[in-house]
Amino acid sequence: MPRIEYEALPPEARVWAFAASEPLAAEVADELMTEVDAFLDGWNAHGHPLAGARRWDDARFLLVGVDERTAPPSGCSIDALHHVLKDFEARHGVGLTDHIDVLYRDPDGRILRRTRPEFARLARSGEVDLDTPVFDLTITRKSQVDAGFEVPARDAWHQRAFWRGPAPT
């Protein structure tokens, strides 16, 4: 089944979010999209074609979705997607599949990446706060992306991890 447009995915579509370890140059991003498109064109689960889609945002974020109404992805089909991305990582020296670091937007609008200990230090010092826009890569549904996967830290897992206790109101 050929890939579909990301916008055609239903709100309940399964989504995976990947963040490049650094912004990708246009030609590198184009190569990534070409490889992801080729993969999605033949993506299947146990011989059943998957209706897959992708979106590229901010020179950094790859969203891959599948309409599970057609056929649900299997563990092997998800592993195959990760294999394509890992191959790209190895060839280009850029991370895509590691979700360990925190990505957030600074007051100047730049997207920054910090290790969790570095981000925790920034939170303790007040350099980032509960209003800091963070990217929640734990989303699993298109409806979550549509609602915004760039959210204030108070509305993401970051609040529990870096500012103990409930968010102040």
Protein backbone atom coordinates (compact mmCIF):
# COMPACT_ATOMS: atom_id res chain seq x y z
CA MET A 1 0.00 0.00 0.00
CA PRO A 2 1.51 3.34 -0.88
CA ARG A 3 2.06 5.81 1.89
CA ILE A 4 -0.63 8.34 2.66
CA GLU A 5 -0.40 12.01 3.55
CA TYR A 6 0.17 12.63 7.24
CA GLU A 7 -2.88 14.92 7.38
CA ALA A 8 -5.04 12.00 6.16
CA LEU A 9 -4.29 9.96 9.28
CA PRO A 10 -7.22 9.75 11.70
CA PRO A 11 -6.82 11.24 15.19
CA GLU A 12 -6.47 7.75 16.69
CA ALA A 13 -3.59 6.79 14.37
CA ARG A 14 -0.50 5.39 16.07
CA VAL A 15 2.43 7.82 15.92
CA TRP A 16 6.12 7.62 16.74
CA ALA A 17 8.13 10.81 17.26
CA PHE A 18 11.85 10.99 16.54
CA ALA A 19 14.14 13.96 17.14
CA ALA A 20 17.38 14.50 15.29
CA SER A 21 20.27 15.17 17.63
CA GLU A 22 20.94 18.34 15.66
CA PRO A 23 19.07 20.24 12.97
CA LEU A 24 19.50 18.51 9.62
CA ALA A 25 20.67 20.40 6.57
CA ALA A 26 18.02 20.48 3.84
CA GLU A 27 19.82 17.95 1.62
CA VAL A 28 20.28 15.51 4.53
CA ALA A 29 16.63 15.92 5.56
CA ASP A 30 15.58 15.32 1.94
CA GLU A 31 17.62 12.12 1.89
CA LEU A 32 16.00 11.00 5.15
CA MET A 33 12.51 11.71 3.79
CA THR A 34 13.30 9.81 0.58
CA GLU A 35 14.42 6.79 2.60
CA VAL A 36 11.44 6.97 4.95
CA ASP A 37 9.06 7.32 1.98
CA ALA A 38 10.59 4.26 0.29
CA PHE A 39 10.20 2.32 3.51
CA LEU A 40 6.58 3.42 4.02
CA ASP A 41 5.72 2.45 0.43
CA GLY A 42 6.49 -1.17 1.29
CA TRP A 43 5.72 -1.19 5.02
CA ASN A 44 3.75 -4.23 6.09
CA ALA A 45 2.94 -6.33 9.13
CA HIS A 46 2.86 -10.07 8.58
CA GLY A 47 2.17 -9.57 4.88
CA HIS A 48 -0.56 -6.97 5.41
CA PRO A 49 0.24 -3.54 3.93
CA LEU A 50 0.28 -0.67 6.41
CA ALA A 51 -1.14 2.77 5.67
CA GLY A 52 1.85 4.77 6.82
CA ALA A 53 2.59 8.48 6.72
CA ARG A 54 5.31 10.84 7.83
CA ARG A 55 5.85 14.49 8.68
CA TRP A 56 9.05 16.50 9.08
CA ASP A 57 9.05 19.55 11.39
CA ASP A 58 11.53 22.24 12.41
CA ALA A 59 14.47 20.61 10.55
CA ARG A 60 14.56 18.20 13.46
CA PHE A 61 11.42 16.16 14.14
CA LEU A 62 10.24 13.11 12.24
CA LEU A 63 6.72 11.90 12.95
CA VAL A 64 5.73 8.53 11.53
CA GLY A 65 2.14 7.38 11.77
CA VAL A 66 0.06 4.40 10.78
CA ASP A 67 -3.69 4.11 10.32
CA GLU A 68 -4.41 1.01 12.38
CA ARG A 69 -7.89 0.68 10.86
CA THR A 70 -6.24 -0.75 7.73
CA ALA A 71 -3.89 -3.09 9.60
CA PRO A 72 -2.13 -2.72 12.94
CA PRO A 73 1.67 -2.62 13.05
CA SER A 74 3.48 -5.59 14.53
CA GLY A 75 6.60 -5.62 16.66
CA CYS A 76 8.58 -6.74 13.62
CA SER A 77 7.19 -3.92 11.45
CA ILE A 78 8.06 -1.34 14.12
CA ASP A 79 11.54 -2.86 14.43
CA ALA A 80 11.92 -2.53 10.65
CA LEU A 81 11.18 1.20 10.88
CA HIS A 82 13.79 1.58 13.62
CA HIS A 83 16.29 -0.38 11.51
CA VAL A 84 15.88 2.10 8.63
CA LEU A 85 16.44 5.01 11.00
CA LYS A 86 19.43 3.33 12.69
CA ASP A 87 21.04 2.77 9.28
CA PHE A 88 20.55 6.45 8.47
CA GLU A 89 22.04 7.42 11.85
CA ALA A 90 25.14 5.31 11.21
CA ARG A 91 25.72 6.75 7.75
CA HIS A 92 25.20 10.39 8.75
CA GLY A 93 26.47 10.48 12.33
CA VAL A 94 23.22 11.95 13.59
CA GLY A 95 20.95 10.53 16.28
CA LEU A 96 17.25 9.94 15.64
CA THR A 97 16.13 7.05 17.81
CA ASP A 98 17.57 8.01 21.20
CA HIS A 99 14.89 9.58 23.39
CA ILE A 100 17.14 10.14 26.39
CA ASP A 101 17.81 13.86 25.94
CA VAL A 102 15.40 16.73 26.51
CA LEU A 103 14.54 19.07 23.64
CA TYR A 104 13.10 22.46 24.46
CA ARG A 105 12.72 25.93 22.97
CA ASP A 106 14.67 28.78 24.51
CA PRO A 107 13.31 32.35 24.83
CA ASP A 108 14.94 33.24 21.48
CA GLY A 109 12.98 30.47 19.74
CA ARG A 110 15.94 28.11 19.24
CA ILE A 111 15.41 24.41 19.81
CA LEU A 112 18.03 23.16 22.24
CA ARG A 113 18.96 19.66 23.32
CA ARG A 114 20.30 18.82 26.78
CA THR A 115 20.95 15.65 28.70
CA ARG A 116 18.50 14.97 31.50
CA PRO A 117 21.08 15.89 34.19
CA GLU A 118 21.84 19.15 32.34
CA PHE A 119 18.14 19.97 32.04
CA ALA A 120 17.65 19.16 35.74
CA ARG A 121 20.45 21.63 36.58
CA LEU A 122 18.76 24.26 34.39
CA ALA A 123 15.46 23.62 36.20
CA ARG A 124 17.09 23.91 39.64
CA SER A 125 18.78 27.18 38.66
CA GLY A 126 15.57 28.62 37.18
CA GLU A 127 17.04 28.92 33.67
CA VAL A 128 14.10 26.78 32.50
CA ASP A 129 10.76 26.72 34.25
CA LEU A 130 7.33 25.15 33.98
CA ASP A 131 6.45 27.54 31.15
CA THR A 132 9.46 26.49 29.05
CA PRO A 133 8.22 24.86 25.82
CA VAL A 134 9.40 21.24 25.67
CA PHE A 135 8.92 18.57 23.03
CA ASP A 136 7.08 15.53 24.36
CA LEU A 137 8.42 12.64 22.30
CA THR A 138 6.38 10.14 24.34
CA ILE A 139 3.25 10.86 22.31
CA THR A 140 1.64 7.82 20.70
CA ARG A 141 -1.43 9.16 18.85
CA LYS A 142 -1.94 11.71 16.10
CA SER A 143 -4.50 13.50 18.27
CA GLN A 144 -1.69 14.22 20.74
CA VAL A 145 0.46 15.68 17.96
CA ASP A 146 -2.52 17.71 16.74
CA ALA A 147 -3.01 19.04 20.27
CA GLY A 148 0.68 19.97 20.31
CA PHE A 149 3.72 17.92 21.13
CA GLU A 150 5.52 21.18 21.91
CA VAL A 151 3.95 22.10 25.22
CA PRO A 152 4.86 23.97 28.40
CA ALA A 153 6.88 21.72 30.70
CA ARG A 154 4.01 21.81 33.20
CA ASP A 155 1.86 19.86 30.68
CA ALA A 156 4.38 17.11 29.92
CA TRP A 157 6.25 14.37 31.76
CA HIS A 158 9.02 16.93 32.31
CA GLN A 159 7.05 18.51 35.16
CA ARG A 160 7.11 15.29 37.20
CA ALA A 161 10.73 14.53 36.34
CA PHE A 162 12.31 17.93 36.95
CA TRP A 163 9.95 19.83 39.28
CA ARG A 164 8.83 17.38 41.94
CA GLY A 165 5.20 17.51 42.94
CA PRO A 166 2.12 18.89 41.19
CA ALA A 167 2.47 21.90 38.94
CA PRO A 168 1.49 25.14 40.65
CA THR A 169 -1.73 26.68 39.39
